[in-house]
Amino acid sequence: MKNNLQIQRVCEQLKFLEEMYRHLIKILPSFDITDKKILPYGLKSHTRSVSWLVKQVIT
């Protein structure tokens, strides 16, 4: 009986993680690191350079 409860809890947690992952996948393409609402103080110069490079490679 205890094993069934543990299996049920693990399945519930996996379902939660799957839902979070799916939500993350939906918002990632629209995530803009230059958005002042997300990063009000901007990025450090090194981070901006890396971010620019990554954006060039991805798009």
N, C-alpha and C. Protein backbone atom coordinates (compact mmCIF):
# COMPACT_ATOMS: atom_id res chain seq x y z
N MET A 1 0.83 -1.19 0.00
CA MET A 1 0.00 0.00 0.00
C MET A 1 0.87 1.26 0.00
N LYS A 2 1.94 1.22 0.79
CA LYS A 2 2.83 2.38 0.87
C LYS A 2 3.52 2.63 -0.48
N ASN A 3 3.89 1.56 -1.16
CA ASN A 3 4.54 1.71 -2.47
C ASN A 3 3.60 2.35 -3.48
N ASN A 4 2.33 1.99 -3.44
CA ASN A 4 1.36 2.58 -4.36
C ASN A 4 1.24 4.08 -4.15
N LEU A 5 1.25 4.48 -2.88
CA LEU A 5 1.17 5.91 -2.56
C LEU A 5 2.41 6.64 -3.06
N GLN A 6 3.56 6.03 -2.87
CA GLN A 6 4.80 6.64 -3.34
C GLN A 6 4.82 6.75 -4.86
N ILE A 7 4.35 5.71 -5.53
CA ILE A 7 4.30 5.73 -7.00
C ILE A 7 3.34 6.82 -7.47
N GLN A 8 2.22 6.95 -6.80
CA GLN A 8 1.24 7.97 -7.16
C GLN A 8 1.83 9.37 -6.97
N ARG A 9 2.55 9.58 -5.89
CA ARG A 9 3.17 10.89 -5.64
C ARG A 9 4.22 11.21 -6.69
N VAL A 10 5.02 10.21 -7.05
CA VAL A 10 6.05 10.42 -8.08
C VAL A 10 5.39 10.76 -9.41
N CYS A 11 4.31 10.07 -9.75
CA CYS A 11 3.60 10.35 -11.00
C CYS A 11 3.03 11.76 -11.00
N GLU A 12 2.49 12.20 -9.87
CA GLU A 12 1.96 13.56 -9.76
C GLU A 12 3.07 14.59 -9.93
N GLN A 13 4.21 14.33 -9.33
CA GLN A 13 5.34 15.25 -9.44
C GLN A 13 5.87 15.29 -10.87
N LEU A 14 5.89 14.14 -11.53
CA LEU A 14 6.33 14.11 -12.93
C LEU A 14 5.37 14.88 -13.82
N LYS A 15 4.09 14.75 -13.55
CA LYS A 15 3.09 15.49 -14.33
C LYS A 15 3.28 16.99 -14.13
N PHE A 16 3.54 17.40 -12.89
CA PHE A 16 3.79 18.81 -12.61
C PHE A 16 5.02 19.30 -13.38
N LEU A 17 6.09 18.53 -13.35
CA LEU A 17 7.31 18.92 -14.07
C LEU A 17 7.07 18.99 -15.58
N GLU A 18 6.30 18.07 -16.10
CA GLU A 18 5.99 18.09 -17.52
C GLU A 18 5.21 19.35 -17.89
N GLU A 19 4.25 19.72 -17.06
CA GLU A 19 3.47 20.94 -17.32
C GLU A 19 4.35 22.18 -17.26
N MET A 20 5.25 22.24 -16.30
CA MET A 20 6.17 23.37 -16.19
C MET A 20 7.09 23.44 -17.40
N TYR A 21 7.58 22.30 -17.83
CA TYR A 21 8.46 22.24 -18.99
C TYR A 21 7.73 22.73 -20.24
N ARG A 22 6.51 22.26 -20.43
CA ARG A 22 5.72 22.68 -21.60
C ARG A 22 5.46 24.18 -21.57
N HIS A 23 5.18 24.72 -20.39
CA HIS A 23 4.96 26.16 -20.27
C HIS A 23 6.24 26.92 -20.60
N LEU A 24 7.35 26.43 -20.12
CA LEU A 24 8.64 27.07 -20.39
C LEU A 24 8.95 27.07 -21.88
N ILE A 25 8.70 25.97 -22.54
CA ILE A 25 8.95 25.86 -23.97
C ILE A 25 8.10 26.87 -24.75
N LYS A 26 6.88 27.13 -24.26
CA LYS A 26 6.01 28.09 -24.95
C LYS A 26 6.52 29.52 -24.83
N ILE A 27 7.09 29.88 -23.67
CA ILE A 27 7.50 31.27 -23.47
C ILE A 27 8.94 31.56 -23.92
N LEU A 28 9.77 30.55 -24.03
CA LEU A 28 11.17 30.78 -24.39
C LEU A 28 11.35 31.50 -25.72
N PRO A 29 10.66 31.13 -26.77
CA PRO A 29 10.88 31.86 -28.04
C PRO A 29 10.55 33.35 -27.95
N SER A 30 9.68 33.72 -27.03
CA SER A 30 9.30 35.13 -26.93
C SER A 30 10.11 35.88 -25.87
N PHE A 31 11.02 35.19 -25.20
CA PHE A 31 11.81 35.81 -24.14
C PHE A 31 12.86 36.72 -24.76
N ASP A 32 12.85 37.97 -24.37
CA ASP A 32 13.78 38.97 -24.91
C ASP A 32 14.62 39.53 -23.77
N ILE A 33 15.91 39.21 -23.77
CA ILE A 33 16.77 39.65 -22.67
C ILE A 33 17.01 41.15 -22.68
N THR A 34 16.64 41.81 -23.75
CA THR A 34 16.82 43.26 -23.78
C THR A 34 15.60 44.01 -23.27
N ASP A 35 14.57 43.27 -22.87
CA ASP A 35 13.35 43.89 -22.35
C ASP A 35 13.63 44.54 -21.00
N LYS A 36 13.37 45.83 -20.88
CA LYS A 36 13.64 46.58 -19.64
C LYS A 36 12.79 46.06 -18.47
N LYS A 37 11.65 45.45 -18.75
CA LYS A 37 10.81 44.91 -17.68
C LYS A 37 11.45 43.67 -17.07
N ILE A 38 12.14 42.89 -17.90
CA ILE A 38 12.78 41.67 -17.41
C ILE A 38 14.10 41.99 -16.73
N LEU A 39 14.90 42.83 -17.37
CA LEU A 39 16.20 43.22 -16.82
C LEU A 39 16.28 44.74 -16.76
N PRO A 40 15.71 45.34 -15.71
CA PRO A 40 15.62 46.80 -15.66
C PRO A 40 16.98 47.50 -15.65
N TYR A 41 18.02 46.84 -15.19
CA TYR A 41 19.33 47.48 -15.11
C TYR A 41 20.25 47.09 -16.26
N GLY A 42 19.71 46.30 -17.18
CA GLY A 42 20.50 45.89 -18.33
C GLY A 42 21.47 44.78 -18.01
N LEU A 43 22.30 44.50 -18.96
CA LEU A 43 23.30 43.44 -18.81
C LEU A 43 24.69 44.05 -18.75
N LYS A 44 25.60 43.35 -18.10
CA LYS A 44 27.00 43.78 -18.09
C LYS A 44 27.54 43.63 -19.51
N SER A 45 28.58 44.39 -19.83
CA SER A 45 29.09 44.41 -21.20
C SER A 45 29.49 43.01 -21.69
N HIS A 46 30.14 42.22 -20.85
CA HIS A 46 30.54 40.87 -21.26
C HIS A 46 29.31 40.03 -21.57
N THR A 47 28.30 40.13 -20.73
CA THR A 47 27.07 39.37 -20.94
C THR A 47 26.36 39.81 -22.20
N ARG A 48 26.37 41.10 -22.48
CA ARG A 48 25.75 41.59 -23.71
C ARG A 48 26.45 41.01 -24.93
N SER A 49 27.77 40.92 -24.88
CA SER A 49 28.53 40.37 -26.01
C SER A 49 28.21 38.90 -26.22
N VAL A 50 28.17 38.15 -25.15
CA VAL A 50 27.85 36.72 -25.24
C VAL A 50 26.42 36.55 -25.73
N SER A 51 25.51 37.35 -25.20
CA SER A 51 24.11 37.27 -25.61
C SER A 51 23.96 37.58 -27.09
N TRP A 52 24.67 38.59 -27.55
CA TRP A 52 24.61 38.95 -28.97
C TRP A 52 25.12 37.80 -29.82
N LEU A 53 26.23 37.22 -29.41
CA LEU A 53 26.82 36.11 -30.17
C LEU A 53 25.85 34.92 -30.22
N VAL A 54 25.26 34.60 -29.09
CA VAL A 54 24.30 33.48 -29.05
C VAL A 54 23.12 33.77 -29.95
N LYS A 55 22.63 34.99 -29.90
CA LYS A 55 21.49 35.35 -30.76
C LYS A 55 21.85 35.22 -32.23
N GLN A 56 23.07 35.60 -32.61
CA GLN A 56 23.49 35.49 -34.00
C GLN A 56 23.56 34.04 -34.44
N VAL A 57 24.00 33.19 -33.56
CA VAL A 57 24.14 31.76 -33.90
C VAL A 57 22.77 31.09 -33.98
N ILE A 58 21.88 31.45 -33.06
CA ILE A 58 20.56 30.79 -33.00
C ILE A 58 19.67 31.24 -34.15
N THR A 59 19.71 32.53 -34.49
CA THR A 59 18.78 33.02 -35.51
C THR A 59 19.39 33.13 -36.87
